[in-house]
């Protein structure tokens, strides 16, 4: 009976995706998350099939979708701490179906050569997982510096960075700091974000952009 059930699952897997796949469970330390996905048996480095990733911690967030030959495909759903939908992205048609406001992002300018063109609120780069992903990193990994604690200092640090055309976050710098170790901690934490951004113009003509995040 067990053999028949296993064979049935294999047939379903082959029928659904056209190629034989195997399930993989992987865990990452920093940031801490668990992935459950499928890869091609003949090409184990190529993801193909259902995918789930859970960011672990006091507040868990999750994303679900599918891969087709190593590329995100179909509808992906990103949920917040309470299981509510934060984002819905259609990767096959390269469309953002829905996304909650990402308030940590306060400005974005498109980079064109040596010029910066101010962007508008309807065409901003988007961090996959949105505010929930950012909050998870901040709550779990941010540490209040001793100098700031002793001096009773708090406030907002503004960090600038570049979102590349392929969705990576690079060139993180302090745009406006407050000292007491808070600037360094803001940079350290921002650098822990996954390189998983949808750039300006995603789905049409992607562009690099300079952004400013508030921490």
Foldseek 3Di string as FASTA:
>chain_A
DVVVVVVVVQVVCCVVQVAGKDWDWDFDVQQTKIKIFIAGPVDRVWTFFKIKMWRDDPFIKIKIAGDRRRHTAAWMFIAARVRHTAWIAHPNQFDTPDHDDQVQWDFKWFDDPPDTHGDDPVFAKAAVNGPRLLVSLCVPPQDDAPQCVVVVDDDKWKWKWKQAQVQATHDIDTPDDDDSCPRVSVSVSVVSRDSGMNAGPGSHGGTMMMIMGID
